[in-house]
Every structure is written in C-alpha cells, then in structure tokens.
C-alpha cells in the first residue's frame, strides 16, 4: 500500500507546479508571438494546467474545477 500526501498538500503542489509550467509556457509562447501576455491570461493557463494535473494526480473529481478557478478567482478578488 502506497502512502499518499494529504489532499491539501497535494493541491498546493499541483498549484505550484502548474504555476511554474504556466510561466514557462507563456515565456516560450512570447518568443514566437508578437504580443505580451496579460496577467489574467497567465492565470487562465495556470488554471487549466492545474486542472489537468489534478486529474492526472487522481484527486477527487470535484477538485478539478477548484484548481481551474483558484488563481483566476484570486486575481479577480485582488483587483476588487
């Protein structure tokens, strides 16, 4: 039997890994595209990657939309 990390710690790792991958993806895309990405676009990319990682990590299904919406919602709340 393998021991899994608590779901909260899994979610934190997923969010951080997705953020790092999103930054790398946006930087790579910026080299080929004639425009810069806005912060909200980075947040949407990060949310999508976090949702995919959550699915790959086999978290409960209800975590997928939470991961997808977390950083975009935090960014929207910060702008209020």
PDB file of N, CA and C in Angstrom:
ATOM      1  N   UNK A   1       0.844  -1.180   0.000  1.00  0.00           N
ATOM      2  CA  UNK A   1       0.000   0.000   0.000  1.00  0.00           C
ATOM      3  C   UNK A   1       0.889   1.243   0.000  1.00  0.00           C
ATOM      4  N   UNK A   2       0.641   2.124  -0.932  1.00  0.00           N
ATOM      5  CA  UNK A   2       1.433   3.346  -1.003  1.00  0.00           C
ATOM      6  C   UNK A   2       0.779   4.432  -0.164  1.00  0.00           C
ATOM      7  N   UNK A   3       1.613   5.235   0.421  1.00  0.00           N
ATOM      8  CA  UNK A   3       1.114   6.313   1.257  1.00  0.00           C
ATOM      9  C   UNK A   3       1.024   7.580   0.424  1.00  0.00           C
ATOM     10  N   UNK A   4      -0.145   8.227   0.459  1.00  0.00           N
ATOM     11  CA  UNK A   4      -0.371   9.451  -0.312  1.00  0.00           C
ATOM     12  C   UNK A   4      -0.264  10.658   0.595  1.00  0.00           C
ATOM     13  N   UNK A   5       0.093  11.770  -0.006  1.00  0.00           N
ATOM     14  CA  UNK A   5       0.106  13.031   0.726  1.00  0.00           C
ATOM     15  C   UNK A   5      -1.323  13.454   1.029  1.00  0.00           C
ATOM     16  N   UNK A   6      -1.522  14.235   2.086  1.00  0.00           N
ATOM     17  CA  UNK A   6      -2.871  14.769   2.330  1.00  0.00           C
ATOM     18  C   UNK A   6      -3.340  15.602   1.132  1.00  0.00           C
ATOM     19  N   UNK A   7      -4.644  15.639   0.914  1.00  0.00           N
ATOM     20  CA  UNK A   7      -5.206  16.310  -0.261  1.00  0.00           C
ATOM     21  C   UNK A   7      -4.828  17.787  -0.291  1.00  0.00           C
ATOM     22  N   UNK A   8      -4.783  18.432   0.859  1.00  0.00           N
ATOM     23  CA  UNK A   8      -4.400  19.844   0.895  1.00  0.00           C
ATOM     24  C   UNK A   8      -2.981  20.069   0.407  1.00  0.00           C
ATOM     25  N   UNK A   9      -2.068  19.205   0.809  1.00  0.00           N
ATOM     26  CA  UNK A   9      -0.678  19.315   0.358  1.00  0.00           C
ATOM     27  C   UNK A   9      -0.556  18.955  -1.118  1.00  0.00           C
ATOM     28  N   UNK A  10      -1.309  17.962  -1.555  1.00  0.00           N
ATOM     29  CA  UNK A  10      -1.341  17.627  -2.982  1.00  0.00           C
ATOM     30  C   UNK A  10      -1.781  18.836  -3.795  1.00  0.00           C
ATOM     31  N   UNK A  11      -2.828  19.500  -3.320  1.00  0.00           N
ATOM     32  CA  UNK A  11      -3.378  20.649  -4.041  1.00  0.00           C
ATOM     33  C   UNK A  11      -2.385  21.794  -4.102  1.00  0.00           C
ATOM     34  N   UNK A  12      -1.678  22.037  -3.016  1.00  0.00           N
ATOM     35  CA  UNK A  12      -0.657  23.080  -3.010  1.00  0.00           C
ATOM     36  C   UNK A  12       0.438  22.765  -4.023  1.00  0.00           C
ATOM     37  N   UNK A  13       0.898  21.525  -4.040  1.00  0.00           N
ATOM     38  CA  UNK A  13       1.929  21.122  -5.005  1.00  0.00           C
ATOM     39  C   UNK A  13       1.433  21.257  -6.437  1.00  0.00           C
ATOM     40  N   UNK A  14       0.197  20.861  -6.674  1.00  0.00           N
ATOM     41  CA  UNK A  14      -0.378  20.968  -8.014  1.00  0.00           C
ATOM     42  C   UNK A  14      -0.423  22.419  -8.454  1.00  0.00           C
ATOM     43  N   UNK A  15      -0.869  23.312  -7.580  1.00  0.00           N
ATOM     44  CA  UNK A  15      -0.940  24.731  -7.926  1.00  0.00           C
ATOM     45  C   UNK A  15       0.443  25.305  -8.220  1.00  0.00           C
ATOM     46  N   UNK A  16       1.431  24.963  -7.419  1.00  0.00           N
ATOM     47  CA  UNK A  16       2.788  25.489  -7.622  1.00  0.00           C
ATOM     48  C   UNK A  16       3.432  24.939  -8.889  1.00  0.00           C
ATOM     49  N   UNK A  17       3.259  23.640  -9.138  1.00  0.00           N
ATOM     50  CA  UNK A  17       3.803  23.040 -10.358  1.00  0.00           C
ATOM     51  C   UNK A  17       3.136  23.647 -11.581  1.00  0.00           C
ATOM     52  N   UNK A  18       1.822  23.817 -11.516  1.00  0.00           N
ATOM     53  CA  UNK A  18       1.090  24.407 -12.641  1.00  0.00           C
ATOM     54  C   UNK A  18       1.530  25.846 -12.879  1.00  0.00           C
ATOM     55  N   UNK A  19       1.793  26.589 -11.811  1.00  0.00           N
ATOM     56  CA  UNK A  19       2.260  27.970 -11.976  1.00  0.00           C
ATOM     57  C   UNK A  19       3.628  28.003 -12.669  1.00  0.00           C
ATOM     58  N   UNK A  20       4.525  27.138 -12.235  1.00  0.00           N
ATOM     59  CA  UNK A  20       5.851  27.088 -12.866  1.00  0.00           C
ATOM     60  C   UNK A  20       5.735  26.698 -14.343  1.00  0.00           C
ATOM     61  N   UNK A  21       4.914  25.713 -14.648  1.00  0.00           N
ATOM     62  CA  UNK A  21       4.730  25.301 -16.040  1.00  0.00           C
ATOM     63  C   UNK A  21       4.066  26.396 -16.873  1.00  0.00           C
ATOM     64  N   UNK A  22       3.119  27.111 -16.276  1.00  0.00           N
ATOM     65  CA  UNK A  22       2.434  28.196 -16.996  1.00  0.00           C
ATOM     66  C   UNK A  22       3.395  29.323 -17.316  1.00  0.00           C
ATOM     67  N   UNK A  23       4.247  29.676 -16.371  1.00  0.00           N
ATOM     68  CA  UNK A  23       5.233  30.725 -16.629  1.00  0.00           C
ATOM     69  C   UNK A  23       6.168  30.307 -17.756  1.00  0.00           C
ATOM     70  N   UNK A  24       6.622  29.063 -17.717  1.00  0.00           N
ATOM     71  CA  UNK A  24       7.495  28.570 -18.791  1.00  0.00           C
ATOM     72  C   UNK A  24       6.778  28.566 -20.136  1.00  0.00           C
ATOM     73  N   UNK A  25       5.507  28.143 -20.151  1.00  0.00           N
ATOM     74  CA  UNK A  25       4.746  28.085 -21.402  1.00  0.00           C
ATOM     75  C   UNK A  25       4.512  29.478 -21.967  1.00  0.00           C
ATOM     76  N   UNK A  26       4.173  30.429 -21.100  1.00  0.00           N
ATOM     77  CA  UNK A  26       3.917  31.794 -21.569  1.00  0.00           C
ATOM     78  C   UNK A  26       5.200  32.443 -22.068  1.00  0.00           C
ATOM     79  N   UNK A  27       6.294  32.194 -21.379  1.00  0.00           N
ATOM     80  CA  UNK A  27       7.584  32.741 -21.852  1.00  0.00           C
ATOM     81  C   UNK A  27       7.970  32.143 -23.199  1.00  0.00           C
ATOM     82  N   UNK A  28       7.765  30.854 -23.360  1.00  0.00           N
ATOM     83  CA  UNK A  28       8.098  30.206 -24.634  1.00  0.00           C
ATOM     84  C   UNK A  28       7.200  30.732 -25.747  1.00  0.00           C
ATOM     85  N   UNK A  29       5.923  30.907 -25.467  1.00  0.00           N
ATOM     86  CA  UNK A  29       4.994  31.409 -26.481  1.00  0.00           C
ATOM     87  C   UNK A  29       5.291  32.863 -26.826  1.00  0.00           C
ATOM     88  N   UNK A  30       5.726  33.638 -25.844  1.00  0.00           N
ATOM     89  CA  UNK A  30       6.043  35.048 -26.093  1.00  0.00           C
ATOM     90  C   UNK A  30       7.205  35.221 -27.064  1.00  0.00           C
ATOM     91  N   UNK A  31       8.067  34.231 -27.139  1.00  0.00           N
ATOM     92  CA  UNK A  31       9.197  34.303 -28.066  1.00  0.00           C
ATOM     93  C   UNK A  31       8.726  34.219 -29.516  1.00  0.00           C
ATOM     94  N   UNK A  32       7.568  33.596 -29.745  1.00  0.00           N
ATOM     95  CA  UNK A  32       7.083  33.400 -31.102  1.00  0.00           C
ATOM     96  C   UNK A  32       5.916  34.311 -31.477  1.00  0.00           C
ATOM     97  N   UNK A  33       5.275  34.904 -30.494  1.00  0.00           N
ATOM     98  CA  UNK A  33       4.105  35.737 -30.752  1.00  0.00           C
ATOM     99  C   UNK A  33       4.460  37.212 -30.652  1.00  0.00           C
ATOM    100  N   UNK A  34       3.809  38.061 -31.422  1.00  0.00           N
ATOM    101  CA  UNK A  34       4.179  39.482 -31.454  1.00  0.00           C
ATOM    102  C   UNK A  34       3.553  40.316 -30.331  1.00  0.00           C
ATOM    103  N   UNK A  35       2.989  39.683 -29.318  1.00  0.00           N
ATOM    104  CA  UNK A  35       2.376  40.439 -28.223  1.00  0.00           C
ATOM    105  C   UNK A  35       2.746  39.807 -26.893  1.00  0.00           C
ATOM    106  N   UNK A  36       2.593  40.573 -25.823  1.00  0.00           N
ATOM    107  CA  UNK A  36       2.845  40.066 -24.479  1.00  0.00           C
ATOM    108  C   UNK A  36       1.553  39.536 -23.880  1.00  0.00           C
ATOM    109  N   UNK A  37       1.681  38.582 -23.010  1.00  0.00           N
ATOM    110  CA  UNK A  37       0.529  38.024 -22.328  1.00  0.00           C
ATOM    111  C   UNK A  37       0.177  38.875 -21.124  1.00  0.00           C
ATOM    112  N   UNK A  38      -1.119  39.041 -20.877  1.00  0.00           N
ATOM    113  CA  UNK A  38      -1.586  39.737 -19.688  1.00  0.00           C
ATOM    114  C   UNK A  38      -1.565  38.768 -18.507  1.00  0.00           C
ATOM    115  N   UNK A  39      -1.601  39.331 -17.312  1.00  0.00           N
ATOM    116  CA  UNK A  39      -1.561  38.513 -16.106  1.00  0.00           C
ATOM    117  C   UNK A  39      -2.770  37.571 -16.028  1.00  0.00           C
ATOM    118  N   UNK A  40      -3.931  38.032 -16.463  1.00  0.00           N
ATOM    119  CA  UNK A  40      -5.115  37.176 -16.408  1.00  0.00           C
ATOM    120  C   UNK A  40      -4.977  35.987 -17.361  1.00  0.00           C
ATOM    121  N   UNK A  41      -4.259  36.176 -18.474  1.00  0.00           N
ATOM    122  CA  UNK A  41      -4.049  35.069 -19.400  1.00  0.00           C
ATOM    123  C   UNK A  41      -3.130  34.015 -18.782  1.00  0.00           C
ATOM    124  N   UNK A  42      -2.115  34.468 -18.059  1.00  0.00           N
ATOM    125  CA  UNK A  42      -1.245  33.535 -17.340  1.00  0.00           C
ATOM    126  C   UNK A  42      -2.055  32.762 -16.304  1.00  0.00           C
ATOM    127  N   UNK A  43      -2.970  33.448 -15.616  1.00  0.00           N
ATOM    128  CA  UNK A  43      -3.798  32.795 -14.606  1.00  0.00           C
ATOM    129  C   UNK A  43      -4.705  31.733 -15.231  1.00  0.00           C
ATOM    130  N   UNK A  44      -5.238  32.015 -16.395  1.00  0.00           N
ATOM    131  CA  UNK A  44      -6.107  31.035 -17.074  1.00  0.00           C
ATOM    132  C   UNK A  44      -5.297  29.818 -17.515  1.00  0.00           C
ATOM    133  N   UNK A  45      -4.108  30.043 -18.042  1.00  0.00           N
ATOM    134  CA  UNK A  45      -3.236  28.923 -18.435  1.00  0.00           C
ATOM    135  C   UNK A  45      -2.885  28.086 -17.204  1.00  0.00           C
ATOM    136  N   UNK A  46      -2.544  28.757 -16.105  1.00  0.00           N
ATOM    137  CA  UNK A  46      -2.211  28.047 -14.870  1.00  0.00           C
ATOM    138  C   UNK A  46      -3.398  27.233 -14.374  1.00  0.00           C
ATOM    139  N   UNK A  47      -4.584  27.796 -14.443  1.00  0.00           N
ATOM    140  CA  UNK A  47      -5.773  27.071 -14.004  1.00  0.00           C
ATOM    141  C   UNK A  47      -6.021  25.820 -14.829  1.00  0.00           C
ATOM    142  N   UNK A  48      -5.846  25.935 -16.128  1.00  0.00           N
ATOM    143  CA  UNK A  48      -6.015  24.764 -16.988  1.00  0.00           C
ATOM    144  C   UNK A  48      -4.993  23.680 -16.693  1.00  0.00           C
ATOM    145  N   UNK A  49      -3.751  24.099 -16.511  1.00  0.00           N
ATOM    146  CA  UNK A  49      -2.713  23.120 -16.184  1.00  0.00           C
ATOM    147  C   UNK A  49      -2.954  22.481 -14.821  1.00  0.00           C
ATOM    148  N   UNK A  50      -3.400  23.263 -13.857  1.00  0.00           N
ATOM    149  CA  UNK A  50      -3.686  22.719 -12.527  1.00  0.00           C
ATOM    150  C   UNK A  50      -4.832  21.711 -12.591  1.00  0.00           C
ATOM    151  N   UNK A  51      -5.833  21.986 -13.406  1.00  0.00           N
ATOM    152  CA  UNK A  51      -6.947  21.043 -13.555  1.00  0.00           C
ATOM    153  C   UNK A  51      -6.466  19.729 -14.164  1.00  0.00           C
ATOM    154  N   UNK A  52      -5.621  19.817 -15.174  1.00  0.00           N
ATOM    155  CA  UNK A  52      -5.087  18.604 -15.808  1.00  0.00           C
ATOM    156  C   UNK A  52      -4.211  17.823 -14.829  1.00  0.00           C
ATOM    157  N   UNK A  53      -3.384  18.535 -14.067  1.00  0.00           N
ATOM    158  CA  UNK A  53      -2.545  17.856 -13.080  1.00  0.00           C
ATOM    159  C   UNK A  53      -3.382  17.202 -11.985  1.00  0.00           C
ATOM    160  N   UNK A  54      -4.462  17.854 -11.593  1.00  0.00           N
ATOM    161  CA  UNK A  54      -5.358  17.277 -10.596  1.00  0.00           C
ATOM    162  C   UNK A  54      -5.966  15.978 -11.105  1.00  0.00           C
ATOM    163  N   UNK A  55      -6.339  15.980 -12.364  1.00  0.00           N
ATOM    164  CA  UNK A  55      -6.886  14.771 -12.980  1.00  0.00           C
ATOM    165  C   UNK A  55      -5.818  13.673 -13.039  1.00  0.00           C
ATOM    166  N   UNK A  56      -4.602  14.050 -13.430  1.00  0.00           N
ATOM    167  CA  UNK A  56      -3.516  13.078 -13.514  1.00  0.00           C
ATOM    168  C   UNK A  56      -3.115  12.545 -12.138  1.00  0.00           C
ATOM    169  N   UNK A  57      -3.251  13.392 -11.114  1.00  0.00           N
ATOM    170  CA  UNK A  57      -2.886  13.008  -9.753  1.00  0.00           C
ATOM    171  C   UNK A  57      -3.979  12.157  -9.108  1.00  0.00           C
ATOM    172  N   UNK A  58      -5.087  11.993  -9.820  1.00  0.00           N
ATOM    173  CA  UNK A  58      -6.244  11.208  -9.374  1.00  0.00           C
ATOM    174  C   UNK A  58      -6.862  11.758  -8.096  1.00  0.00           C
ATOM    175  N   UNK A  59      -6.967  13.087  -8.051  1.00  0.00           N
ATOM    176  CA  UNK A  59      -7.691  13.692  -6.946  1.00  0.00           C
ATOM    177  C   UNK A  59      -9.183  13.494  -7.181  1.00  0.00           C
ATOM    178  N   UNK A  60      -9.998  13.657  -6.127  1.00  0.00           N
ATOM    179  CA  UNK A  60     -11.452  13.560  -6.343  1.00  0.00           C
ATOM    180  C   UNK A  60     -11.905  14.525  -7.430  1.00  0.00           C
ATOM    181  N   UNK A  61     -12.889  14.122  -8.214  1.00  0.00           N
ATOM    182  CA  UNK A  61     -13.339  14.911  -9.382  1.00  0.00           C
ATOM    183  C   UNK A  61     -13.754  16.328  -9.036  1.00  0.00           C
ATOM    184  N   UNK A  62     -14.285  16.546  -7.841  1.00  0.00           N
ATOM    185  CA  UNK A  62     -14.753  17.882  -7.502  1.00  0.00           C
ATOM    186  C   UNK A  62     -13.613  18.864  -7.281  1.00  0.00           C
ATOM    187  N   UNK A  63     -12.373  18.390  -7.194  1.00  0.00           N
ATOM    188  CA  UNK A  63     -11.223  19.281  -7.067  1.00  0.00           C
ATOM    189  C   UNK A  63     -10.840  19.916  -8.407  1.00  0.00           C
ATOM    190  N   UNK A  64     -11.195  19.298  -9.507  1.00  0.00           N
ATOM    191  CA  UNK A  64     -10.780  19.787 -10.826  1.00  0.00           C
ATOM    192  C   UNK A  64     -11.264  21.213 -11.086  1.00  0.00           C
ATOM    193  N   UNK A  65     -12.557  21.529 -10.926  1.00  0.00           N
ATOM    194  CA  UNK A  65     -12.963  22.922 -11.140  1.00  0.00           C
ATOM    195  C   UNK A  65     -12.380  23.880 -10.099  1.00  0.00           C
ATOM    196  N   UNK A  66     -12.126  23.387  -8.891  1.00  0.00           N
ATOM    197  CA  UNK A  66     -11.497  24.243  -7.881  1.00  0.00           C
ATOM    198  C   UNK A  66     -10.096  24.657  -8.319  1.00  0.00           C
ATOM    199  N   UNK A  67      -9.340  23.704  -8.832  1.00  0.00           N
ATOM    200  CA  UNK A  67      -7.995  24.017  -9.330  1.00  0.00           C
ATOM    201  C   UNK A  67      -8.053  24.962 -10.527  1.00  0.00           C
ATOM    202  N   UNK A  68      -9.002  24.716 -11.417  1.00  0.00           N
ATOM    203  CA  UNK A  68      -9.111  25.553 -12.618  1.00  0.00           C
ATOM    204  C   UNK A  68      -9.451  26.994 -12.270  1.00  0.00           C
ATOM    205  N   UNK A  69     -10.239  27.194 -11.243  1.00  0.00           N
ATOM    206  CA  UNK A  69     -10.721  28.545 -10.918  1.00  0.00           C
ATOM    207  C   UNK A  69      -9.906  29.256  -9.851  1.00  0.00           C
ATOM    208  N   UNK A  70      -9.013  28.574  -9.165  1.00  0.00           N
ATOM    209  CA  UNK A  70      -8.369  29.170  -7.996  1.00  0.00           C
ATOM    210  C   UNK A  70      -7.576  30.433  -8.315  1.00  0.00           C
ATOM    211  N   UNK A  71      -6.575  30.357  -9.170  1.00  0.00           N
ATOM    212  CA  UNK A  71      -5.740  31.540  -9.442  1.00  0.00           C
ATOM    213  C   UNK A  71      -6.508  32.626 -10.188  1.00  0.00           C
ATOM    214  N   UNK A  72      -7.344  32.314 -11.186  1.00  0.00           N
ATOM    215  CA  UNK A  72      -8.145  33.388 -11.785  1.00  0.00           C
ATOM    216  C   UNK A  72      -9.058  34.073 -10.770  1.00  0.00           C
ATOM    217  N   UNK A  73      -9.653  33.305  -9.854  1.00  0.00           N
ATOM    218  CA  UNK A  73     -10.521  33.915  -8.835  1.00  0.00           C
ATOM    219  C   UNK A  73      -9.713  34.756  -7.856  1.00  0.00           C
ATOM    220  N   UNK A  74      -8.538  34.282  -7.476  1.00  0.00           N
ATOM    221  CA  UNK A  74      -7.687  35.065  -6.572  1.00  0.00           C
ATOM    222  C   UNK A  74      -7.252  36.368  -7.237  1.00  0.00           C
ATOM    223  N   UNK A  75      -6.944  36.311  -8.517  1.00  0.00           N
ATOM    224  CA  UNK A  75      -6.558  37.513  -9.252  1.00  0.00           C
ATOM    225  C   UNK A  75      -7.729  38.478  -9.344  1.00  0.00           C
ATOM    226  N   UNK A  76      -8.921  37.981  -9.630  1.00  0.00           N
ATOM    227  CA  UNK A  76     -10.111  38.829  -9.702  1.00  0.00           C
ATOM    228  C   UNK A  76     -10.418  39.457  -8.342  1.00  0.00           C
ATOM    229  N   UNK A  77     -10.273  38.684  -7.278  1.00  0.00           N
ATOM    230  CA  UNK A  77     -10.519  39.222  -5.926  1.00  0.00           C
ATOM    231  C   UNK A  77      -9.505  40.293  -5.576  1.00  0.00           C
ATOM    232  N   UNK A  78      -8.279  40.123  -6.002  1.00  0.00           N
ATOM    233  CA  UNK A  78      -7.249  41.116  -5.712  1.00  0.00           C
ATOM    234  C   UNK A  78      -7.505  42.434  -6.431  1.00  0.00           C
ATOM    235  N   UNK A  79      -8.163  42.361  -7.564  1.00  0.00           N
ATOM    236  CA  UNK A  79      -8.460  43.577  -8.329  1.00  0.00           C
ATOM    237  C   UNK A  79      -9.657  44.343  -7.807  1.00  0.00           C
ATOM    238  N   UNK A  80     -10.452  43.743  -6.939  1.00  0.00           N
ATOM    239  CA  UNK A  80     -11.626  44.434  -6.382  1.00  0.00           C
ATOM    240  C   UNK A  80     -11.235  45.494  -5.361  1.00  0.00           C
TER     241      UNK A  80
END
